Amino acid sequence: MKVIVDLCVVPIGVGVSVSKYVAQCQKILEDKGLEHTLHAYGTNIAGNWDEVFAAVKQCHEVIHEMGAPRISTSIKVGTRVDRNQTMKEKVDSVVDKLDT
């Protein structure tokens, strides 16, 4: 099943800046070949359900290995079976309506 996920991983107990941990997650997504878009408070990811959630698990594992004792993660998940829809198509649909 295809999925689009909005992922926000927050390491706890590592200080104020978390960008180095987010960067590691971005590298994991790139290495896995998953379509993803970083935004100010998270990352959108599109792909096969099992592959996306395996990458999320790997993000947690790597962040813990980097020394974070705790991680708080928020995930929003969307699936649809009537047709394939990319993240860009979803955004373009809204933008098109703004232009009218």
PDB file of N, CA and C in Angstrom:
ATOM      1  N   MET A   1       0.840  -1.168   0.000  1.00  0.00           N
ATOM      2  CA  MET A   1       0.000   0.000   0.000  1.00  0.00           C
ATOM      3  C   MET A   1       0.890   1.237   0.000  1.00  0.00           C
ATOM      4  N   LYS A   2       0.510   2.218  -0.828  1.00  0.00           N
ATOM      5  CA  LYS A   2       1.227   3.491  -0.873  1.00  0.00           C
ATOM      6  C   LYS A   2       0.758   4.377   0.275  1.00  0.00           C
ATOM      7  N   VAL A   3       1.673   5.206   0.784  1.00  0.00           N
ATOM      8  CA  VAL A   3       1.373   6.061   1.922  1.00  0.00           C
ATOM      9  C   VAL A   3       2.099   7.390   1.758  1.00  0.00           C
ATOM     10  N   ILE A   4       1.477   8.434   2.259  1.00  0.00           N
ATOM     11  CA  ILE A   4       2.144   9.717   2.430  1.00  0.00           C
ATOM     12  C   ILE A   4       2.132  10.011   3.922  1.00  0.00           C
ATOM     13  N   VAL A   5       3.311  10.298   4.459  1.00  0.00           N
ATOM     14  CA  VAL A   5       3.479  10.490   5.889  1.00  0.00           C
ATOM     15  C   VAL A   5       4.052  11.878   6.147  1.00  0.00           C
ATOM     16  N   ASP A   6       3.559  12.519   7.185  1.00  0.00           N
ATOM     17  CA  ASP A   6       4.179  13.739   7.699  1.00  0.00           C
ATOM     18  C   ASP A   6       4.848  13.341   9.013  1.00  0.00           C
ATOM     19  N   LEU A   7       6.163  13.411   9.039  1.00  0.00           N
ATOM     20  CA  LEU A   7       6.960  12.911  10.156  1.00  0.00           C
ATOM     21  C   LEU A   7       7.658  14.060  10.868  1.00  0.00           C
ATOM     22  N   CYS A   8       7.566  14.077  12.187  1.00  0.00           N
ATOM     23  CA  CYS A   8       8.300  15.040  13.009  1.00  0.00           C
ATOM     24  C   CYS A   8       8.962  14.267  14.150  1.00  0.00           C
ATOM     25  N   VAL A   9      10.275  14.148  14.073  1.00  0.00           N
ATOM     26  CA  VAL A   9      11.058  13.413  15.067  1.00  0.00           C
ATOM     27  C   VAL A   9      11.769  14.429  15.957  1.00  0.00           C
ATOM     28  N   VAL A  10      11.544  14.333  17.273  1.00  0.00           N
ATOM     29  CA  VAL A  10      12.136  15.287  18.211  1.00  0.00           C
ATOM     30  C   VAL A  10      12.949  14.532  19.263  1.00  0.00           C
ATOM     31  N   PRO A  11      14.274  14.565  19.143  1.00  0.00           N
ATOM     32  CA  PRO A  11      15.112  13.972  20.179  1.00  0.00           C
ATOM     33  C   PRO A  11      14.987  14.779  21.477  1.00  0.00           C
ATOM     34  N   ILE A  12      14.944  14.098  22.597  1.00  0.00           N
ATOM     35  CA  ILE A  12      14.807  14.754  23.895  1.00  0.00           C
ATOM     36  C   ILE A  12      16.069  14.465  24.712  1.00  0.00           C
ATOM     37  N   GLY A  13      16.534  15.491  25.406  1.00  0.00           N
ATOM     38  CA  GLY A  13      17.712  15.324  26.246  1.00  0.00           C
ATOM     39  C   GLY A  13      19.011  15.564  25.517  1.00  0.00           C
ATOM     40  N   VAL A  14      18.928  16.302  24.376  1.00  0.00           N
ATOM     41  CA  VAL A  14      20.127  16.539  23.572  1.00  0.00           C
ATOM     42  C   VAL A  14      20.440  18.022  23.420  1.00  0.00           C
ATOM     43  N   GLY A  15      19.727  18.871  24.123  1.00  0.00           N
ATOM     44  CA  GLY A  15      19.929  20.302  23.987  1.00  0.00           C
ATOM     45  C   GLY A  15      18.858  20.921  23.105  1.00  0.00           C
ATOM     46  N   VAL A  16      19.042  22.186  22.787  1.00  0.00           N
ATOM     47  CA  VAL A  16      18.033  22.945  22.058  1.00  0.00           C
ATOM     48  C   VAL A  16      18.026  22.627  20.566  1.00  0.00           C
ATOM     49  N   SER A  17      19.176  22.544  19.936  1.00  0.00           N
ATOM     50  CA  SER A  17      19.255  22.303  18.500  1.00  0.00           C
ATOM     51  C   SER A  17      19.162  20.811  18.191  1.00  0.00           C
ATOM     52  N   VAL A  18      18.309  20.476  17.238  1.00  0.00           N
ATOM     53  CA  VAL A  18      18.152  19.066  16.847  1.00  0.00           C
ATOM     54  C   VAL A  18      18.484  18.852  15.371  1.00  0.00           C
ATOM     55  N   SER A  19      19.026  19.857  14.711  1.00  0.00           N
ATOM     56  CA  SER A  19      19.245  19.779  13.261  1.00  0.00           C
ATOM     57  C   SER A  19      20.172  18.639  12.851  1.00  0.00           C
ATOM     58  N   LYS A  20      21.170  18.318  13.665  1.00  0.00           N
ATOM     59  CA  LYS A  20      22.075  17.222  13.271  1.00  0.00           C
ATOM     60  C   LYS A  20      21.350  15.872  13.282  1.00  0.00           C
ATOM     61  N   TYR A  21      20.344  15.737  14.126  1.00  0.00           N
ATOM     62  CA  TYR A  21      19.558  14.498  14.177  1.00  0.00           C
ATOM     63  C   TYR A  21      18.597  14.431  12.992  1.00  0.00           C
ATOM     64  N   VAL A  22      17.995  15.570  12.682  1.00  0.00           N
ATOM     65  CA  VAL A  22      17.110  15.641  11.517  1.00  0.00           C
ATOM     66  C   VAL A  22      17.901  15.337  10.243  1.00  0.00           C
ATOM     67  N   ALA A  23      19.111  15.864  10.162  1.00  0.00           N
ATOM     68  CA  ALA A  23      19.956  15.616   8.991  1.00  0.00           C
ATOM     69  C   ALA A  23      20.236  14.124   8.818  1.00  0.00           C
ATOM     70  N   GLN A  24      20.441  13.414   9.915  1.00  0.00           N
ATOM     71  CA  GLN A  24      20.671  11.963   9.827  1.00  0.00           C
ATOM     72  C   GLN A  24      19.435  11.249   9.289  1.00  0.00           C
ATOM     73  N   CYS A  25      18.260  11.673   9.719  1.00  0.00           N
ATOM     74  CA  CYS A  25      17.028  11.074   9.196  1.00  0.00           C
ATOM     75  C   CYS A  25      16.884  11.356   7.702  1.00  0.00           C
ATOM     76  N   GLN A  26      17.237  12.567   7.286  1.00  0.00           N
ATOM     77  CA  GLN A  26      17.165  12.903   5.861  1.00  0.00           C
ATOM     78  C   GLN A  26      18.091  11.988   5.052  1.00  0.00           C
ATOM     79  N   LYS A  27      19.271  11.720   5.585  1.00  0.00           N
ATOM     80  CA  LYS A  27      20.208  10.822   4.901  1.00  0.00           C
ATOM     81  C   LYS A  27      19.631   9.415   4.783  1.00  0.00           C
ATOM     82  N   ILE A  28      18.958   8.962   5.822  1.00  0.00           N
ATOM     83  CA  ILE A  28      18.329   7.636   5.781  1.00  0.00           C
ATOM     84  C   ILE A  28      17.282   7.592   4.676  1.00  0.00           C
ATOM     85  N   LEU A  29      16.438   8.605   4.602  1.00  0.00           N
ATOM     86  CA  LEU A  29      15.398   8.654   3.568  1.00  0.00           C
ATOM     87  C   LEU A  29      16.013   8.678   2.174  1.00  0.00           C
ATOM     88  N   GLU A  30      17.086   9.434   2.007  1.00  0.00           N
ATOM     89  CA  GLU A  30      17.780   9.476   0.722  1.00  0.00           C
ATOM     90  C   GLU A  30      18.366   8.114   0.386  1.00  0.00           C
ATOM     91  N   ASP A  31      19.040   7.487   1.353  1.00  0.00           N
ATOM     92  CA  ASP A  31      19.649   6.173   1.133  1.00  0.00           C
ATOM     93  C   ASP A  31      18.610   5.117   0.767  1.00  0.00           C
ATOM     94  N   LYS A  32      17.403   5.250   1.336  1.00  0.00           N
ATOM     95  CA  LYS A  32      16.328   4.300   1.048  1.00  0.00           C
ATOM     96  C   LYS A  32      15.640   4.601  -0.283  1.00  0.00           C
ATOM     97  N   GLY A  33      15.957   5.752  -0.875  1.00  0.00           N
ATOM     98  CA  GLY A  33      15.353   6.121  -2.149  1.00  0.00           C
ATOM     99  C   GLY A  33      13.906   6.559  -2.035  1.00  0.00           C
ATOM    100  N   LEU A  34      13.507   7.013  -0.855  1.00  0.00           N
ATOM    101  CA  LEU A  34      12.130   7.442  -0.642  1.00  0.00           C
ATOM    102  C   LEU A  34      11.963   8.903  -1.053  1.00  0.00           C
ATOM    103  N   GLU A  35      10.842   9.194  -1.695  1.00  0.00           N
ATOM    104  CA  GLU A  35      10.513  10.570  -2.014  1.00  0.00           C
ATOM    105  C   GLU A  35      10.225  11.290  -0.709  1.00  0.00           C
ATOM    106  N   HIS A  36      10.870  12.442  -0.504  1.00  0.00           N
ATOM    107  CA  HIS A  36      10.663  13.175   0.748  1.00  0.00           C
ATOM    108  C   HIS A  36      10.904  14.658   0.540  1.00  0.00           C
ATOM    109  N   THR A  37      10.233  15.450   1.365  1.00  0.00           N
ATOM    110  CA  THR A  37      10.367  16.901   1.317  1.00  0.00           C
ATOM    111  C   THR A  37      10.482  17.419   2.744  1.00  0.00           C
ATOM    112  N   LEU A  38      11.604  18.031   3.042  1.00  0.00           N
ATOM    113  CA  LEU A  38      11.831  18.625   4.353  1.00  0.00           C
ATOM    114  C   LEU A  38      11.058  19.939   4.432  1.00  0.00           C
ATOM    115  N   HIS A  39      10.421  20.179   5.575  1.00  0.00           N
ATOM    116  CA  HIS A  39       9.802  21.479   5.820  1.00  0.00           C
ATOM    117  C   HIS A  39      10.187  21.930   7.221  1.00  0.00           C
ATOM    118  N   ALA A  40       9.727  23.082   7.644  1.00  0.00           N
ATOM    119  CA  ALA A  40      10.219  23.711   8.869  1.00  0.00           C
ATOM    120  C   ALA A  40       9.998  22.874  10.126  1.00  0.00           C
ATOM    121  N   TYR A  41       8.933  22.079  10.164  1.00  0.00           N
ATOM    122  CA  TYR A  41       8.629  21.307  11.371  1.00  0.00           C
ATOM    123  C   TYR A  41       8.459  19.827  11.091  1.00  0.00           C
ATOM    124  N   GLY A  42       9.183  19.315  10.088  1.00  0.00           N
ATOM    125  CA  GLY A  42       9.095  17.896   9.812  1.00  0.00           C
ATOM    126  C   GLY A  42       9.479  17.564   8.386  1.00  0.00           C
ATOM    127  N   THR A  43       9.059  16.386   7.968  1.00  0.00           N
ATOM    128  CA  THR A  43       9.363  15.883   6.632  1.00  0.00           C
ATOM    129  C   THR A  43       8.161  15.126   6.102  1.00  0.00           C
ATOM    130  N   ASN A  44       7.784  15.400   4.848  1.00  0.00           N
ATOM    131  CA  ASN A  44       6.780  14.599   4.166  1.00  0.00           C
ATOM    132  C   ASN A  44       7.511  13.479   3.441  1.00  0.00           C
ATOM    133  N   ILE A  45       6.962  12.273   3.531  1.00  0.00           N
ATOM    134  CA  ILE A  45       7.570  11.093   2.908  1.00  0.00           C
ATOM    135  C   ILE A  45       6.495  10.348   2.150  1.00  0.00           C
ATOM    136  N   ALA A  46       6.820   9.901   0.934  1.00  0.00           N
ATOM    137  CA  ALA A  46       5.885   9.098   0.151  1.00  0.00           C
ATOM    138  C   ALA A  46       6.562   7.798  -0.257  1.00  0.00           C
ATOM    139  N   GLY A  47       5.788   6.720  -0.236  1.00  0.00           N
ATOM    140  CA  GLY A  47       6.337   5.434  -0.653  1.00  0.00           C
ATOM    141  C   GLY A  47       5.472   4.288  -0.193  1.00  0.00           C
ATOM    142  N   ASN A  48       6.044   3.108  -0.306  1.00  0.00           N
ATOM    143  CA  ASN A  48       5.389   1.896   0.155  1.00  0.00           C
ATOM    144  C   ASN A  48       5.333   1.907   1.682  1.00  0.00           C
ATOM    145  N   TRP A  49       4.188   1.515   2.239  1.00  0.00           N
ATOM    146  CA  TRP A  49       3.972   1.548   3.697  1.00  0.00           C
ATOM    147  C   TRP A  49       5.144   0.931   4.462  1.00  0.00           C
ATOM    148  N   ASP A  50       5.497  -0.304   4.125  1.00  0.00           N
ATOM    149  CA  ASP A  50       6.538  -1.018   4.876  1.00  0.00           C
ATOM    150  C   ASP A  50       7.890  -0.329   4.763  1.00  0.00           C
ATOM    151  N   GLU A  51       8.208   0.192   3.582  1.00  0.00           N
ATOM    152  CA  GLU A  51       9.491   0.862   3.396  1.00  0.00           C
ATOM    153  C   GLU A  51       9.557   2.175   4.172  1.00  0.00           C
ATOM    154  N   VAL A  52       8.462   2.929   4.160  1.00  0.00           N
ATOM    155  CA  VAL A  52       8.432   4.203   4.888  1.00  0.00           C
ATOM    156  C   VAL A  52       8.585   3.959   6.387  1.00  0.00           C
ATOM    157  N   PHE A  53       7.821   3.004   6.912  1.00  0.00           N
ATOM    158  CA  PHE A  53       7.887   2.785   8.357  1.00  0.00           C
ATOM    159  C   PHE A  53       9.176   2.094   8.786  1.00  0.00           C
ATOM    160  N   ALA A  54       9.812   1.341   7.894  1.00  0.00           N
ATOM    161  CA  ALA A  54      11.139   0.800   8.198  1.00  0.00           C
ATOM    162  C   ALA A  54      12.151   1.938   8.306  1.00  0.00           C
ATOM    163  N   ALA A  55      12.013   2.948   7.460  1.00  0.00           N
ATOM    164  CA  ALA A  55      12.903   4.110   7.520  1.00  0.00           C
ATOM    165  C   ALA A  55      12.674   4.908   8.803  1.00  0.00           C
ATOM    166  N   VAL A  56      11.411   5.055   9.209  1.00  0.00           N
ATOM    167  CA  VAL A  56      11.110   5.749  10.471  1.00  0.00           C
ATOM    168  C   VAL A  56      11.769   5.011  11.634  1.00  0.00           C
ATOM    169  N   LYS A  57      11.661   3.696  11.623  1.00  0.00           N
ATOM    170  CA  LYS A  57      12.301   2.896  12.678  1.00  0.00           C
ATOM    171  C   LYS A  57      13.813   3.107  12.670  1.00  0.00           C
ATOM    172  N   GLN A  58      14.400   3.126  11.482  1.00  0.00           N
ATOM    173  CA  GLN A  58      15.843   3.322  11.390  1.00  0.00           C
ATOM    174  C   GLN A  58      16.235   4.716  11.890  1.00  0.00           C
ATOM    175  N   CYS A  59      15.404   5.714  11.631  1.00  0.00           N
ATOM    176  CA  CYS A  59      15.668   7.056  12.169  1.00  0.00           C
ATOM    177  C   CYS A  59      15.763   7.000  13.690  1.00  0.00           C
ATOM    178  N   HIS A  60      14.818   6.306  14.318  1.00  0.00           N
ATOM    179  CA  HIS A  60      14.846   6.188  15.776  1.00  0.00           C
ATOM    180  C   HIS A  60      16.118   5.476  16.232  1.00  0.00           C
ATOM    181  N   GLU A  61      16.453   4.399  15.580  1.00  0.00           N
ATOM    182  CA  GLU A  61      17.640   3.635  15.979  1.00  0.00           C
ATOM    183  C   GLU A  61      18.900   4.488  15.887  1.00  0.00           C
ATOM    184  N   VAL A  62      19.041   5.214  14.788  1.00  0.00           N
ATOM    185  CA  VAL A  62      20.240   6.028  14.583  1.00  0.00           C
ATOM    186  C   VAL A  62      20.305   7.182  15.578  1.00  0.00           C
ATOM    187  N   ILE A  63      19.178   7.830  15.819  1.00  0.00           N
ATOM    188  CA  ILE A  63      19.165   8.946  16.772  1.00  0.00           C
ATOM    189  C   ILE A  63      19.520   8.458  18.179  1.00  0.00           C
ATOM    190  N   HIS A  64      19.028   7.297  18.564  1.00  0.00           N
ATOM    191  CA  HIS A  64      19.419   6.735  19.866  1.00  0.00           C
ATOM    192  C   HIS A  64      20.915   6.431  19.889  1.00  0.00           C
ATOM    193  N   GLU A  65      21.436   5.879  18.783  1.00  0.00           N
ATOM    194  CA  GLU A  65      22.872   5.591  18.704  1.00  0.00           C
ATOM    195  C   GLU A  65      23.703   6.868  18.806  1.00  0.00           C
ATOM    196  N   MET A  66      23.133   8.002  18.377  1.00  0.00           N
ATOM    197  CA  MET A  66      23.824   9.289  18.452  1.00  0.00           C
ATOM    198  C   MET A  66      23.802   9.867  19.870  1.00  0.00           C
ATOM    199  N   GLY A  67      23.101   9.202  20.777  1.00  0.00           N
ATOM    200  CA  GLY A  67      23.124   9.632  22.167  1.00  0.00           C
ATOM    201  C   GLY A  67      21.830  10.194  22.717  1.00  0.00           C
ATOM    202  N   ALA A  68      20.791  10.258  21.917  1.00  0.00           N
ATOM    203  CA  ALA A  68      19.516  10.767  22.435  1.00  0.00           C
ATOM    204  C   ALA A  68      18.861   9.702  23.307  1.00  0.00           C
ATOM    205  N   PRO A  69      18.602  10.021  24.572  1.00  0.00           N
ATOM    206  CA  PRO A  69      17.994   9.028  25.451  1.00  0.00           C
ATOM    207  C   PRO A  69      16.502   8.824  25.190  1.00  0.00           C
ATOM    208  N   ARG A  70      15.847   9.857  24.619  1.00  0.00           N
ATOM    209  CA  ARG A  70      14.407   9.766  24.338  1.00  0.00           C
ATOM    210  C   ARG A  70      14.121  10.426  22.999  1.00  0.00           C
ATOM    211  N   ILE A  71      13.046   9.972  22.372  1.00  0.00           N
ATOM    212  CA  ILE A  71      12.585  10.574  21.124  1.00  0.00           C
ATOM    213  C   ILE A  71      11.068  10.659  21.173  1.00  0.00           C
ATOM    214  N   SER A  72      10.548  11.809  20.799  1.00  0.00           N
ATOM    215  CA  SER A  72       9.107  11.973  20.650  1.00  0.00           C
ATOM    216  C   SER A  72       8.828  12.186  19.169  1.00  0.00           C
ATOM    217  N   THR A  73       7.974  11.352  18.603  1.00  0.00           N
ATOM    218  CA  THR A  73       7.688  11.423  17.175  1.00  0.00           C
ATOM    219  C   THR A  73       6.200  11.606  16.944  1.00  0.00           C
ATOM    220  N   SER A  74       5.882  12.549  16.068  1.00  0.00           N
ATOM    221  CA  SER A  74       4.502  12.742  15.609  1.00  0.00           C
ATOM    222  C   SER A  74       4.434  12.299  14.158  1.00  0.00           C
ATOM    223  N   ILE A  75       3.408  11.511  13.852  1.00  0.00           N
ATOM    224  CA  ILE A  75       3.242  11.008  12.497  1.00  0.00           C
ATOM    225  C   ILE A  75       1.791  11.186  12.077  1.00  0.00           C
ATOM    226  N   LYS A  76       1.612  11.792  10.900  1.00  0.00           N
ATOM    227  CA  LYS A  76       0.295  11.821  10.251  1.00  0.00           C
ATOM    228  C   LYS A  76       0.415  10.935   9.029  1.00  0.00           C
ATOM    229  N   VAL A  77      -0.563  10.069   8.807  1.00  0.00           N
ATOM    230  CA  VAL A  77      -0.506   9.082   7.736  1.00  0.00           C
ATOM    231  C   VAL A  77      -1.728   9.223   6.853  1.00  0.00           C
ATOM    232  N   GLY A  78      -1.491   9.223   5.556  1.00  0.00           N
ATOM    233  CA  GLY A  78      -2.596   9.239   4.603  1.00  0.00           C
ATOM    234  C   GLY A  78      -2.415   8.157   3.556  1.00  0.00           C
ATOM    235  N   THR A  79      -3.484   7.442   3.291  1.00  0.00           N
ATOM    236  CA  THR A  79      -3.479   6.441   2.219  1.00  0.00           C
ATOM    237  C   THR A  79      -4.722   6.661   1.368  1.00  0.00           C
ATOM    238  N   ARG A  80      -4.632   6.230   0.134  1.00  0.00           N
ATOM    239  CA  ARG A  80      -5.823   6.207  -0.702  1.00  0.00           C
ATOM    240  C   ARG A  80      -5.655   5.073  -1.694  1.00  0.00           C
ATOM    241  N   VAL A  81      -6.759   4.445  -2.034  1.00  0.00           N
ATOM    242  CA  VAL A  81      -6.711   3.287  -2.927  1.00  0.00           C
ATOM    243  C   VAL A  81      -7.453   3.536  -4.239  1.00  0.00           C
ATOM    244  N   ASP A  82      -8.098   4.701  -4.363  1.00  0.00           N
ATOM    245  CA  ASP A  82      -8.838   4.976  -5.597  1.00  0.00           C
ATOM    246  C   ASP A  82      -7.925   5.402  -6.735  1.00  0.00           C
ATOM    247  N   ARG A  83      -6.748   5.988  -6.402  1.00  0.00           N
ATOM    248  CA  ARG A  83      -5.779   6.376  -7.429  1.00  0.00           C
ATOM    249  C   ARG A  83      -4.459   6.717  -6.767  1.00  0.00           C
ATOM    250  N   ASN A  84      -3.398   6.739  -7.563  1.00  0.00           N
ATOM    251  CA  ASN A  84      -2.108   7.183  -7.069  1.00  0.00           C
ATOM    252  C   ASN A  84      -2.085   8.702  -7.085  1.00  0.00           C
ATOM    253  N   GLN A  85      -1.576   9.308  -6.026  1.00  0.00           N
ATOM    254  CA  GLN A  85      -1.459  10.753  -5.958  1.00  0.00           C
ATOM    255  C   GLN A  85      -0.138  11.095  -5.305  1.00  0.00           C
ATOM    256  N   THR A  86       0.631  11.953  -5.973  1.00  0.00           N
ATOM    257  CA  THR A  86       1.927  12.360  -5.425  1.00  0.00           C
ATOM    258  C   THR A  86       1.752  13.511  -4.442  1.00  0.00           C
ATOM    259  N   MET A  87       2.800  13.763  -3.677  1.00  0.00           N
ATOM    260  CA  MET A  87       2.773  14.898  -2.758  1.00  0.00           C
ATOM    261  C   MET A  87       2.622  16.200  -3.542  1.00  0.00           C
ATOM    262  N   LYS A  88       3.298  16.300  -4.673  1.00  0.00           N
ATOM    263  CA  LYS A  88       3.218  17.500  -5.501  1.00  0.00           C
ATOM    264  C   LYS A  88       1.801  17.706  -6.015  1.00  0.00           C
ATOM    265  N   GLU A  89       1.153  16.638  -6.450  1.00  0.00           N
ATOM    266  CA  GLU A  89      -0.225  16.757  -6.931  1.00  0.00           C
ATOM    267  C   GLU A  89      -1.153  17.274  -5.830  1.00  0.00           C
ATOM    268  N   LYS A  90      -0.943  16.819  -4.621  1.00  0.00           N
ATOM    269  CA  LYS A  90      -1.775  17.292  -3.501  1.00  0.00           C
ATOM    270  C   LYS A  90      -1.606  18.796  -3.291  1.00  0.00           C
ATOM    271  N   VAL A  91      -0.366  19.261  -3.317  1.00  0.00           N
ATOM    272  CA  VAL A  91      -0.103  20.685  -3.135  1.00  0.00           C
ATOM    273  C   VAL A  91      -0.624  21.474  -4.330  1.00  0.00           C
ATOM    274  N   ASP A  92      -0.358  20.983  -5.538  1.00  0.00           N
ATOM    275  CA  ASP A  92      -0.811  21.675  -6.744  1.00  0.00           C
ATOM    276  C   ASP A  92      -2.325  21.833  -6.769  1.00  0.00           C
ATOM    277  N   SER A  93      -3.050  20.864  -6.259  1.00  0.00           N
ATOM    278  CA  SER A  93      -4.507  20.941  -6.234  1.00  0.00           C
ATOM    279  C   SER A  93      -4.982  22.150  -5.421  1.00  0.00           C
ATOM    280  N   VAL A  94      -4.329  22.394  -4.294  1.00  0.00           N
ATOM    281  CA  VAL A  94      -4.691  23.546  -3.468  1.00  0.00           C
ATOM    282  C   VAL A  94      -4.261  24.848  -4.142  1.00  0.00           C
ATOM    283  N   VAL A  95      -3.050  24.872  -4.679  1.00  0.00           N
ATOM    284  CA  VAL A  95      -2.528  26.071  -5.326  1.00  0.00           C
ATOM    285  C   VAL A  95      -3.417  26.463  -6.509  1.00  0.00           C
ATOM    286  N   ASP A  96      -3.882  25.480  -7.284  1.00  0.00           N
ATOM    287  CA  ASP A  96      -4.767  25.756  -8.409  1.00  0.00           C
ATOM    288  C   ASP A  96      -6.037  26.453  -7.954  1.00  0.00           C
ATOM    289  N   LYS A  97      -6.545  26.043  -6.822  1.00  0.00           N
ATOM    290  CA  LYS A  97      -7.779  26.647  -6.303  1.00  0.00           C
ATOM    291  C   LYS A  97      -7.536  28.075  -5.800  1.00  0.00           C
ATOM    292  N   LEU A  98      -6.328  28.374  -5.385  1.00  0.00           N
ATOM    293  CA  LEU A  98      -5.985  29.726  -4.961  1.00  0.00           C
ATOM    294  C   LEU A  98      -5.936  30.675  -6.155  1.00  0.00           C
ATOM    295  N   ASP A  99      -5.581  30.149  -7.314  1.00  0.00           N
ATOM    296  CA  ASP A  99      -5.456  30.962  -8.521  1.00  0.00           C
ATOM    297  C   ASP A  99      -6.793  31.298  -9.161  1.00  0.00           C
ATOM    298  N   THR A 100      -7.860  30.666  -8.708  1.00  0.00           N
ATOM    299  CA  THR A 100      -9.168  30.919  -9.345  1.00  0.00           C
ATOM    300  C   THR A 100      -9.943  32.002  -8.635  1.00  0.00           C
TER     301      THR A 100
END
